[in-house]
Amino acid sequence: MNKKERTILNRSLHRDISYFFVGLIIAFSVSGIALNHRTDFDPQEYTVKTENFKIDLPSDASLITEDFFKQEAKKIATEEFRGHRIRGQEARLYFEDAFASVNLKTGEGEIEYVQTIPVLGQMTILHKTTNVWWIWFSDIFGVAMLFIAITGMFISKGKNSFKKRGWWLATIGLIFPFIFLFLIR
């Protein structure tokens, strides 16, 4: 294969693989930006309504168990109870489409009913899912992104080529992640 044929093949593969993955590139980009700001808002779900409640706590703290919360969960919500977590003096109860916080001193609590944000919520799930088929597809996508990045370095010729100016732009682009990784924590 001569140099011209290699160049045509490189451009064609770069273009066609980019076309194939453009939807996923957009989904990962948009949801990745949203996840970067998850301390400002929840990009996956929003609160539909909140309700206050009070439960009667047993006088013996050792009776506050999974079974205790299963029984109380039936009084708090119609949603399916998924589990709980205790941290200090607060219990967190998880339901199918809701979660509740309970003060373990007073028994007072609040339940929040949530719904997934259309489109954005589903896109953020792509970052977290552990489905075996999705993991394989994501791995293939990762390899394709490497291929697109590498082939992209060799598309331009002349004064805008990788040899002339691309290498220093790539170097600067590599420095920023290391600055954030090692210096800004």
N, C-alpha and C. Protein backbone atom coordinates (compact mmCIF):
# COMPACT_ATOMS: atom_id res chain seq x y z
N MET A 1 0.85 -1.17 0.00
CA MET A 1 0.00 0.00 0.00
C MET A 1 0.90 1.24 0.00
N ASN A 2 0.68 2.11 -0.98
CA ASN A 2 1.52 3.30 -1.05
C ASN A 2 1.01 4.39 -0.09
N LYS A 3 1.75 5.49 0.00
CA LYS A 3 1.45 6.56 0.95
C LYS A 3 0.08 7.19 0.68
N LYS A 4 -0.28 7.40 -0.58
CA LYS A 4 -1.57 8.00 -0.91
C LYS A 4 -2.72 7.08 -0.49
N GLU A 5 -2.58 5.79 -0.72
CA GLU A 5 -3.62 4.83 -0.33
C GLU A 5 -3.77 4.77 1.19
N ARG A 6 -2.64 4.83 1.92
CA ARG A 6 -2.68 4.84 3.38
C ARG A 6 -3.39 6.09 3.89
N THR A 7 -3.12 7.22 3.26
CA THR A 7 -3.77 8.47 3.66
C THR A 7 -5.27 8.40 3.43
N ILE A 8 -5.68 7.89 2.29
CA ILE A 8 -7.12 7.76 1.99
C ILE A 8 -7.77 6.80 2.98
N LEU A 9 -7.13 5.67 3.27
CA LEU A 9 -7.67 4.71 4.22
C LEU A 9 -7.77 5.33 5.61
N ASN A 10 -6.74 6.05 6.03
CA ASN A 10 -6.72 6.70 7.34
C ASN A 10 -7.89 7.68 7.46
N ARG A 11 -8.06 8.55 6.46
CA ARG A 11 -9.16 9.52 6.48
C ARG A 11 -10.52 8.83 6.46
N SER A 12 -10.65 7.80 5.66
CA SER A 12 -11.93 7.09 5.55
C SER A 12 -12.30 6.41 6.86
N LEU A 13 -11.34 5.71 7.47
CA LEU A 13 -11.62 5.04 8.74
C LEU A 13 -11.92 6.06 9.84
N HIS A 14 -11.14 7.12 9.88
CA HIS A 14 -11.36 8.19 10.88
C HIS A 14 -12.78 8.74 10.73
N ARG A 15 -13.17 9.08 9.53
CA ARG A 15 -14.49 9.65 9.25
C ARG A 15 -15.60 8.66 9.58
N ASP A 16 -15.51 7.42 9.09
CA ASP A 16 -16.59 6.46 9.25
C ASP A 16 -16.77 6.01 10.69
N ILE A 17 -15.69 5.82 11.41
CA ILE A 17 -15.80 5.45 12.83
C ILE A 17 -16.39 6.62 13.61
N SER A 18 -15.99 7.84 13.26
CA SER A 18 -16.58 9.03 13.91
C SER A 18 -18.08 9.10 13.64
N TYR A 19 -18.50 8.86 12.41
CA TYR A 19 -19.93 8.86 12.09
C TYR A 19 -20.68 7.82 12.93
N PHE A 20 -20.11 6.62 13.02
CA PHE A 20 -20.77 5.54 13.75
C PHE A 20 -20.98 5.89 15.22
N PHE A 21 -19.99 6.53 15.83
CA PHE A 21 -20.05 6.81 17.27
C PHE A 21 -20.51 8.23 17.61
N VAL A 22 -20.96 9.01 16.65
CA VAL A 22 -21.32 10.41 16.92
C VAL A 22 -22.42 10.52 17.98
N GLY A 23 -23.41 9.65 17.97
CA GLY A 23 -24.47 9.70 18.98
C GLY A 23 -23.93 9.48 20.37
N LEU A 24 -23.08 8.49 20.53
CA LEU A 24 -22.51 8.20 21.84
C LEU A 24 -21.53 9.28 22.27
N ILE A 25 -20.81 9.85 21.35
CA ILE A 25 -19.91 10.96 21.67
C ILE A 25 -20.71 12.13 22.23
N ILE A 26 -21.82 12.45 21.59
CA ILE A 26 -22.67 13.55 22.07
C ILE A 26 -23.27 13.21 23.43
N ALA A 27 -23.80 11.99 23.58
CA ALA A 27 -24.41 11.58 24.85
C ALA A 27 -23.40 11.63 25.99
N PHE A 28 -22.20 11.09 25.78
CA PHE A 28 -21.18 11.10 26.82
C PHE A 28 -20.70 12.51 27.11
N SER A 29 -20.62 13.35 26.10
CA SER A 29 -20.17 14.73 26.31
C SER A 29 -21.18 15.51 27.14
N VAL A 30 -22.44 15.47 26.74
CA VAL A 30 -23.49 16.22 27.45
C VAL A 30 -23.65 15.71 28.87
N SER A 31 -23.77 14.40 29.03
CA SER A 31 -23.97 13.85 30.38
C SER A 31 -22.71 14.00 31.23
N GLY A 32 -21.54 13.94 30.62
CA GLY A 32 -20.30 14.15 31.36
C GLY A 32 -20.21 15.55 31.90
N ILE A 33 -20.61 16.55 31.10
CA ILE A 33 -20.64 17.94 31.57
C ILE A 33 -21.62 18.06 32.73
N ALA A 34 -22.80 17.46 32.57
CA ALA A 34 -23.80 17.52 33.65
C ALA A 34 -23.29 16.86 34.92
N LEU A 35 -22.62 15.71 34.80
CA LEU A 35 -22.09 15.02 35.98
C LEU A 35 -20.97 15.82 36.64
N ASN A 36 -20.24 16.62 35.87
CA ASN A 36 -19.22 17.48 36.46
C ASN A 36 -19.83 18.51 37.40
N HIS A 37 -21.11 18.81 37.23
CA HIS A 37 -21.79 19.82 38.04
C HIS A 37 -22.82 19.20 38.98
N ARG A 38 -22.62 17.95 39.35
CA ARG A 38 -23.60 17.26 40.19
C ARG A 38 -23.66 17.81 41.61
N THR A 39 -22.69 18.64 42.02
CA THR A 39 -22.81 19.29 43.32
C THR A 39 -23.77 20.48 43.25
N ASP A 40 -24.03 20.98 42.04
CA ASP A 40 -24.96 22.09 41.85
C ASP A 40 -26.39 21.61 41.62
N PHE A 41 -26.54 20.48 40.93
CA PHE A 41 -27.86 19.90 40.69
C PHE A 41 -27.69 18.43 40.38
N ASP A 42 -28.77 17.67 40.55
CA ASP A 42 -28.72 16.24 40.25
C ASP A 42 -29.10 16.05 38.79
N PRO A 43 -28.14 15.66 37.94
CA PRO A 43 -28.44 15.53 36.52
C PRO A 43 -29.26 14.29 36.17
N GLN A 44 -29.48 13.42 37.15
CA GLN A 44 -30.18 12.18 36.85
C GLN A 44 -31.66 12.23 37.22
N GLU A 45 -32.00 12.89 38.32
CA GLU A 45 -33.39 12.89 38.74
C GLU A 45 -33.76 14.20 39.42
N TYR A 46 -35.05 14.45 39.53
CA TYR A 46 -35.53 15.65 40.20
C TYR A 46 -36.63 15.27 41.18
N THR A 47 -36.82 16.11 42.18
CA THR A 47 -37.81 15.85 43.21
C THR A 47 -39.19 16.28 42.73
N VAL A 48 -40.14 15.36 42.85
CA VAL A 48 -41.52 15.63 42.45
C VAL A 48 -42.28 16.24 43.61
N LYS A 49 -42.12 15.63 44.79
CA LYS A 49 -42.77 16.16 46.00
C LYS A 49 -42.04 15.65 47.23
N THR A 50 -42.22 16.34 48.33
CA THR A 50 -41.66 15.91 49.62
C THR A 50 -42.79 15.87 50.64
N GLU A 51 -42.65 14.98 51.59
CA GLU A 51 -43.63 14.86 52.67
C GLU A 51 -42.89 14.62 53.97
N ASN A 52 -43.39 15.22 55.04
CA ASN A 52 -42.83 14.98 56.37
C ASN A 52 -43.57 13.82 57.01
N PHE A 53 -42.91 13.12 57.91
CA PHE A 53 -43.53 12.01 58.63
C PHE A 53 -42.84 11.85 59.98
N LYS A 54 -43.43 11.05 60.82
CA LYS A 54 -42.83 10.74 62.12
C LYS A 54 -43.08 9.26 62.40
N ILE A 55 -42.02 8.58 62.82
CA ILE A 55 -42.16 7.17 63.19
C ILE A 55 -41.89 7.03 64.67
N ASP A 56 -42.46 5.99 65.26
CA ASP A 56 -42.21 5.70 66.68
C ASP A 56 -40.99 4.80 66.76
N LEU A 57 -39.96 5.34 67.36
CA LEU A 57 -38.71 4.58 67.50
C LEU A 57 -38.76 3.72 68.74
N PRO A 58 -38.22 2.52 68.72
CA PRO A 58 -38.16 1.69 69.92
C PRO A 58 -37.17 2.31 70.92
N SER A 59 -37.43 2.09 72.19
CA SER A 59 -36.54 2.65 73.22
C SER A 59 -35.18 1.96 73.21
N ASP A 60 -35.14 0.71 72.77
CA ASP A 60 -33.88 -0.02 72.65
C ASP A 60 -33.34 0.13 71.22
N ALA A 61 -32.22 0.83 71.08
CA ALA A 61 -31.65 1.11 69.76
C ALA A 61 -31.27 -0.16 69.00
N SER A 62 -31.04 -1.27 69.70
CA SER A 62 -30.66 -2.51 69.02
C SER A 62 -31.84 -3.09 68.21
N LEU A 63 -33.05 -2.59 68.46
CA LEU A 63 -34.22 -3.05 67.72
C LEU A 63 -34.41 -2.31 66.39
N ILE A 64 -33.58 -1.29 66.16
CA ILE A 64 -33.65 -0.55 64.91
C ILE A 64 -32.83 -1.33 63.87
N THR A 65 -33.51 -2.22 63.18
CA THR A 65 -32.87 -3.15 62.25
C THR A 65 -33.52 -3.02 60.86
N GLU A 66 -33.04 -3.83 59.95
CA GLU A 66 -33.62 -3.88 58.60
C GLU A 66 -35.10 -4.23 58.68
N ASP A 67 -35.45 -5.21 59.51
CA ASP A 67 -36.86 -5.60 59.65
C ASP A 67 -37.71 -4.47 60.20
N PHE A 68 -37.17 -3.72 61.17
CA PHE A 68 -37.88 -2.56 61.71
C PHE A 68 -38.19 -1.56 60.59
N PHE A 69 -37.17 -1.25 59.78
CA PHE A 69 -37.37 -0.29 58.70
C PHE A 69 -38.31 -0.82 57.62
N LYS A 70 -38.30 -2.12 57.37
CA LYS A 70 -39.23 -2.71 56.40
C LYS A 70 -40.67 -2.46 56.84
N GLN A 71 -40.94 -2.65 58.14
CA GLN A 71 -42.29 -2.44 58.66
C GLN A 71 -42.68 -0.96 58.60
N GLU A 72 -41.76 -0.08 59.01
CA GLU A 72 -42.03 1.35 59.01
C GLU A 72 -42.17 1.89 57.59
N ALA A 73 -41.43 1.31 56.65
CA ALA A 73 -41.47 1.76 55.26
C ALA A 73 -42.87 1.63 54.68
N LYS A 74 -43.60 0.62 55.10
CA LYS A 74 -44.97 0.42 54.62
C LYS A 74 -45.88 1.57 55.05
N LYS A 75 -45.58 2.16 56.20
CA LYS A 75 -46.38 3.29 56.71
C LYS A 75 -45.97 4.61 56.05
N ILE A 76 -44.71 4.69 55.63
CA ILE A 76 -44.17 5.94 55.10
C ILE A 76 -44.53 6.12 53.63
N ALA A 77 -44.42 5.05 52.82
CA ALA A 77 -44.60 5.19 51.38
C ALA A 77 -45.22 3.94 50.77
N THR A 78 -45.80 4.12 49.61
CA THR A 78 -46.34 2.98 48.86
C THR A 78 -45.27 2.39 47.95
N GLU A 79 -44.16 3.10 47.79
CA GLU A 79 -43.05 2.63 46.96
C GLU A 79 -42.41 1.38 47.56
N GLU A 80 -41.78 0.58 46.72
CA GLU A 80 -41.10 -0.63 47.19
C GLU A 80 -39.85 -0.24 47.98
N PHE A 81 -39.70 -0.77 49.18
CA PHE A 81 -38.54 -0.51 50.04
C PHE A 81 -37.34 -1.27 49.51
N ARG A 82 -36.22 -0.58 49.34
CA ARG A 82 -35.01 -1.19 48.78
C ARG A 82 -33.90 -1.41 49.80
N GLY A 83 -33.92 -0.67 50.90
CA GLY A 83 -32.86 -0.84 51.90
C GLY A 83 -32.66 0.42 52.71
N HIS A 84 -31.68 0.36 53.60
CA HIS A 84 -31.40 1.53 54.44
C HIS A 84 -29.91 1.63 54.74
N ARG A 85 -29.55 2.79 55.29
CA ARG A 85 -28.18 3.05 55.72
C ARG A 85 -28.28 3.95 56.95
N ILE A 86 -27.46 3.67 57.95
CA ILE A 86 -27.44 4.51 59.15
C ILE A 86 -26.08 5.17 59.24
N ARG A 87 -26.11 6.48 59.42
CA ARG A 87 -24.88 7.25 59.65
C ARG A 87 -25.14 8.17 60.83
N GLY A 88 -24.44 7.91 61.90
CA GLY A 88 -24.61 8.74 63.09
C GLY A 88 -26.03 8.65 63.59
N GLN A 89 -26.69 9.80 63.68
CA GLN A 89 -28.06 9.86 64.19
C GLN A 89 -29.10 10.00 63.06
N GLU A 90 -28.71 9.60 61.85
CA GLU A 90 -29.66 9.68 60.74
C GLU A 90 -29.71 8.35 60.00
N ALA A 91 -30.93 7.96 59.66
CA ALA A 91 -31.12 6.77 58.83
C ALA A 91 -31.61 7.26 57.47
N ARG A 92 -31.12 6.60 56.46
CA ARG A 92 -31.53 6.91 55.09
C ARG A 92 -32.26 5.67 54.57
N LEU A 93 -33.51 5.84 54.14
CA LEU A 93 -34.31 4.74 53.62
C LEU A 93 -34.43 4.92 52.11
N TYR A 94 -34.23 3.83 51.39
CA TYR A 94 -34.27 3.89 49.93
C TYR A 94 -35.46 3.10 49.41
N PHE A 95 -36.20 3.75 48.51
CA PHE A 95 -37.36 3.16 47.89
C PHE A 95 -37.14 3.13 46.38
N GLU A 96 -38.08 2.54 45.66
CA GLU A 96 -37.94 2.44 44.21
C GLU A 96 -37.78 3.81 43.56
N ASP A 97 -38.68 4.74 43.85
CA ASP A 97 -38.61 6.09 43.27
C ASP A 97 -38.67 7.15 44.35
N ALA A 98 -38.03 6.90 45.47
CA ALA A 98 -38.03 7.86 46.57
C ALA A 98 -36.91 7.52 47.54
N PHE A 99 -36.61 8.46 48.41
CA PHE A 99 -35.70 8.20 49.51
C PHE A 99 -36.14 9.06 50.69
N ALA A 100 -35.84 8.58 51.89
CA ALA A 100 -36.27 9.28 53.10
C ALA A 100 -35.10 9.40 54.07
N SER A 101 -35.13 10.46 54.84
CA SER A 101 -34.17 10.66 55.92
C SER A 101 -34.94 10.67 57.22
N VAL A 102 -34.42 9.96 58.24
CA VAL A 102 -35.09 9.87 59.54
C VAL A 102 -34.09 10.23 60.62
N ASN A 103 -34.47 11.16 61.49
CA ASN A 103 -33.66 11.50 62.66
C ASN A 103 -33.87 10.39 63.69
N LEU A 104 -32.80 9.73 64.09
CA LEU A 104 -32.92 8.58 64.99
C LEU A 104 -33.09 8.97 66.45
N LYS A 105 -33.08 10.25 66.75
CA LYS A 105 -33.39 10.72 68.12
C LYS A 105 -34.86 11.06 68.25
N THR A 106 -35.41 11.72 67.21
CA THR A 106 -36.79 12.21 67.30
C THR A 106 -37.79 11.36 66.52
N GLY A 107 -37.33 10.61 65.52
CA GLY A 107 -38.23 9.83 64.67
C GLY A 107 -38.84 10.66 63.55
N GLU A 108 -38.49 11.95 63.49
CA GLU A 108 -39.00 12.82 62.44
C GLU A 108 -38.21 12.60 61.16
N GLY A 109 -38.94 12.68 60.05
CA GLY A 109 -38.27 12.46 58.79
C GLY A 109 -38.95 13.15 57.63
N GLU A 110 -38.31 13.02 56.48
CA GLU A 110 -38.84 13.61 55.25
C GLU A 110 -38.58 12.61 54.13
N ILE A 111 -39.59 12.43 53.29
CA ILE A 111 -39.44 11.55 52.13
C ILE A 111 -39.52 12.41 50.87
N GLU A 112 -38.64 12.12 49.92
CA GLU A 112 -38.63 12.82 48.63
C GLU A 112 -38.95 11.81 47.54
N TYR A 113 -39.97 12.13 46.76
CA TYR A 113 -40.32 11.31 45.61
C TYR A 113 -39.62 11.91 44.40
N VAL A 114 -38.95 11.07 43.62
CA VAL A 114 -38.14 11.56 42.51
C VAL A 114 -38.54 10.90 41.19
N GLN A 115 -38.20 11.60 40.10
CA GLN A 115 -38.38 11.06 38.75
C GLN A 115 -37.11 11.32 37.96
N THR A 116 -36.85 10.46 37.00
CA THR A 116 -35.67 10.63 36.15
C THR A 116 -35.90 11.79 35.19
N ILE A 117 -34.87 12.63 35.03
CA ILE A 117 -34.93 13.73 34.07
C ILE A 117 -34.92 13.11 32.67
N PRO A 118 -35.92 13.45 31.85
CA PRO A 118 -35.96 12.86 30.50
C PRO A 118 -34.67 13.14 29.72
N VAL A 119 -34.20 12.20 29.01
CA VAL A 119 -33.02 12.20 28.15
C VAL A 119 -31.73 12.37 28.96
N LEU A 120 -31.55 13.48 29.65
CA LEU A 120 -30.31 13.70 30.41
C LEU A 120 -30.13 12.63 31.48
N GLY A 121 -31.20 12.29 32.17
CA GLY A 121 -31.13 11.25 33.21
C GLY A 121 -30.70 9.91 32.64
N GLN A 122 -31.26 9.56 31.49
CA GLN A 122 -30.88 8.29 30.85
C GLN A 122 -29.43 8.33 30.37
N MET A 123 -28.99 9.49 29.87
CA MET A 123 -27.60 9.59 29.41
C MET A 123 -26.61 9.44 30.57
N THR A 124 -26.95 9.98 31.75
CA THR A 124 -26.03 9.85 32.89
C THR A 124 -25.93 8.40 33.36
N ILE A 125 -27.00 7.64 33.15
CA ILE A 125 -26.97 6.23 33.53
C ILE A 125 -25.92 5.48 32.72
N LEU A 126 -25.66 5.93 31.48
CA LEU A 126 -24.64 5.28 30.65
C LEU A 126 -23.27 5.27 31.32
N HIS A 127 -22.98 6.31 32.12
CA HIS A 127 -21.69 6.40 32.79
C HIS A 127 -21.58 5.41 33.96
N LYS A 128 -22.72 4.97 34.48
CA LYS A 128 -22.71 4.17 35.71
C LYS A 128 -23.14 2.72 35.55
N THR A 129 -23.75 2.39 34.43
CA THR A 129 -24.33 1.06 34.30
C THR A 129 -23.25 -0.03 34.33
N THR A 130 -23.63 -1.17 34.85
CA THR A 130 -22.70 -2.30 34.92
C THR A 130 -23.17 -3.48 34.06
N ASN A 131 -24.09 -3.23 33.14
CA ASN A 131 -24.56 -4.26 32.23
C ASN A 131 -23.37 -4.78 31.41
N VAL A 132 -23.22 -6.08 31.36
CA VAL A 132 -22.06 -6.70 30.70
C VAL A 132 -21.96 -6.28 29.24
N TRP A 133 -23.08 -6.28 28.51
CA TRP A 133 -23.05 -5.91 27.10
C TRP A 133 -22.67 -4.45 26.92
N TRP A 134 -23.18 -3.60 27.83
CA TRP A 134 -22.83 -2.17 27.74
C TRP A 134 -21.34 -1.97 28.03
N ILE A 135 -20.80 -2.69 28.97
CA ILE A 135 -19.37 -2.57 29.30
C ILE A 135 -18.54 -2.93 28.07
N TRP A 136 -18.91 -4.02 27.39
CA TRP A 136 -18.17 -4.40 26.17
C TRP A 136 -18.28 -3.31 25.10
N PHE A 137 -19.49 -2.80 24.90
CA PHE A 137 -19.68 -1.74 23.91
C PHE A 137 -18.89 -0.49 24.29
N SER A 138 -18.89 -0.14 25.59
CA SER A 138 -18.12 1.02 26.06
C SER A 138 -16.63 0.82 25.86
N ASP A 139 -16.16 -0.40 26.07
CA ASP A 139 -14.74 -0.69 25.83
C ASP A 139 -14.40 -0.52 24.35
N ILE A 140 -15.27 -1.02 23.49
CA ILE A 140 -15.07 -0.85 22.04
C ILE A 140 -15.08 0.65 21.70
N PHE A 141 -16.00 1.38 22.31
CA PHE A 141 -16.08 2.83 22.12
C PHE A 141 -14.77 3.50 22.56
N GLY A 142 -14.23 3.09 23.72
CA GLY A 142 -12.96 3.64 24.19
C GLY A 142 -11.83 3.40 23.21
N VAL A 143 -11.75 2.19 22.68
CA VAL A 143 -10.72 1.88 21.68
C VAL A 143 -10.94 2.72 20.42
N ALA A 144 -12.20 2.88 20.02
CA ALA A 144 -12.51 3.70 18.85
C ALA A 144 -12.10 5.16 19.08
N MET A 145 -12.29 5.67 20.30
CA MET A 145 -11.88 7.05 20.59
C MET A 145 -10.37 7.19 20.48
N LEU A 146 -9.64 6.17 20.95
CA LEU A 146 -8.18 6.19 20.78
C LEU A 146 -7.82 6.19 19.30
N PHE A 147 -8.50 5.36 18.54
CA PHE A 147 -8.25 5.29 17.10
C PHE A 147 -8.55 6.63 16.42
N ILE A 148 -9.68 7.24 16.78
CA ILE A 148 -10.04 8.54 16.20
C ILE A 148 -9.00 9.60 16.57
N ALA A 149 -8.55 9.60 17.82
CA ALA A 149 -7.54 10.57 18.24
C ALA A 149 -6.23 10.38 17.49
N ILE A 150 -5.81 9.13 17.37
CA ILE A 150 -4.52 8.85 16.70
C ILE A 150 -4.61 9.13 15.20
N THR A 151 -5.66 8.66 14.55
CA THR A 151 -5.76 8.91 13.11
C THR A 151 -5.96 10.39 12.83
N GLY A 152 -6.63 11.10 13.74
CA GLY A 152 -6.83 12.54 13.56
C GLY A 152 -5.53 13.32 13.54
N MET A 153 -4.51 12.78 14.21
CA MET A 153 -3.21 13.47 14.23
C MET A 153 -2.53 13.45 12.86
N PHE A 154 -2.94 12.54 12.00
CA PHE A 154 -2.23 12.38 10.72
C PHE A 154 -3.07 12.77 9.51
N ILE A 155 -4.19 13.44 9.73
CA ILE A 155 -5.05 13.84 8.61
C ILE A 155 -4.50 15.07 7.90
N SER A 156 -4.12 16.09 8.68
CA SER A 156 -3.63 17.33 8.07
C SER A 156 -2.19 17.19 7.60
N LYS A 157 -1.90 17.90 6.52
CA LYS A 157 -0.54 17.93 5.99
C LYS A 157 -0.06 19.38 5.96
N GLY A 158 1.20 19.57 5.68
CA GLY A 158 1.75 20.91 5.51
C GLY A 158 1.93 21.65 6.81
N LYS A 159 1.66 22.97 6.81
CA LYS A 159 1.94 23.81 7.97
C LYS A 159 1.04 23.50 9.17
N ASN A 160 -0.11 22.83 8.97
CA ASN A 160 -1.01 22.47 10.06
C ASN A 160 -0.88 21.01 10.48
N SER A 161 0.16 20.34 10.05
CA SER A 161 0.32 18.91 10.35
C SER A 161 0.70 18.70 11.81
N PHE A 162 0.62 17.44 12.21
CA PHE A 162 1.00 17.08 13.58
C PHE A 162 2.47 17.40 13.83
N LYS A 163 3.32 17.14 12.84
CA LYS A 163 4.76 17.40 12.97
C LYS A 163 5.06 18.88 13.16
N LYS A 164 4.30 19.74 12.46
CA LYS A 164 4.59 21.18 12.48
C LYS A 164 4.03 21.87 13.73
N ARG A 165 2.74 21.70 14.03
CA ARG A 165 2.16 22.39 15.18
C ARG A 165 1.30 21.50 16.06
N GLY A 166 0.85 20.37 15.55
CA GLY A 166 -0.03 19.50 16.31
C GLY A 166 0.60 18.92 17.56
N TRP A 167 1.88 18.62 17.50
CA TRP A 167 2.55 18.00 18.64
C TRP A 167 2.55 18.91 19.86
N TRP A 168 2.73 20.22 19.65
CA TRP A 168 2.77 21.09 20.84
C TRP A 168 1.37 21.35 21.37
N LEU A 169 0.35 21.37 20.53
CA LEU A 169 -1.03 21.47 21.02
C LEU A 169 -1.41 20.21 21.80
N ALA A 170 -0.99 19.05 21.30
CA ALA A 170 -1.24 17.78 21.99
C ALA A 170 -0.52 17.76 23.34
N THR A 171 0.69 18.27 23.38
CA THR A 171 1.46 18.31 24.63
C THR A 171 0.76 19.20 25.66
N ILE A 172 0.33 20.37 25.23
CA ILE A 172 -0.40 21.27 26.14
C ILE A 172 -1.68 20.59 26.62
N GLY A 173 -2.37 19.92 25.70
CA GLY A 173 -3.59 19.20 26.07
C GLY A 173 -3.35 18.08 27.06
N LEU A 174 -2.18 17.47 27.04
CA LEU A 174 -1.84 16.42 28.00
C LEU A 174 -1.42 16.99 29.35
N ILE A 175 -0.87 18.19 29.35
CA ILE A 175 -0.40 18.79 30.60
C ILE A 175 -1.57 19.10 31.54
N PHE A 176 -2.68 19.62 31.00
CA PHE A 176 -3.81 20.03 31.84
C PHE A 176 -4.36 18.91 32.72
N PRO A 177 -4.60 17.71 32.20
CA PRO A 177 -5.10 16.65 33.10
C PRO A 177 -4.11 16.33 34.22
N PHE A 178 -2.82 16.38 33.93
CA PHE A 178 -1.83 16.10 34.97
C PHE A 178 -1.79 17.20 36.02
N ILE A 179 -2.00 18.44 35.61
CA ILE A 179 -2.07 19.54 36.59
C ILE A 179 -3.22 19.28 37.55
N PHE A 180 -4.40 18.97 37.00
CA PHE A 180 -5.56 18.73 37.85
C PHE A 180 -5.41 17.45 38.66
N LEU A 181 -4.75 16.46 38.12
CA LEU A 181 -4.59 15.18 38.80
C LEU A 181 -3.64 15.28 39.99
N PHE A 182 -2.51 15.99 39.80
CA PHE A 182 -1.48 15.98 40.83
C PHE A 182 -1.39 17.26 41.66
N LEU A 183 -1.74 18.39 41.12
CA LEU A 183 -1.56 19.64 41.84
C LEU A 183 -2.82 20.17 42.49
N ILE A 184 -3.95 19.97 41.87
CA ILE A 184 -5.22 20.50 42.39
C ILE A 184 -6.06 19.34 42.88
N ARG A 185 -6.13 19.20 44.16
CA ARG A 185 -6.92 18.08 44.74
C ARG A 185 -8.01 18.60 45.62
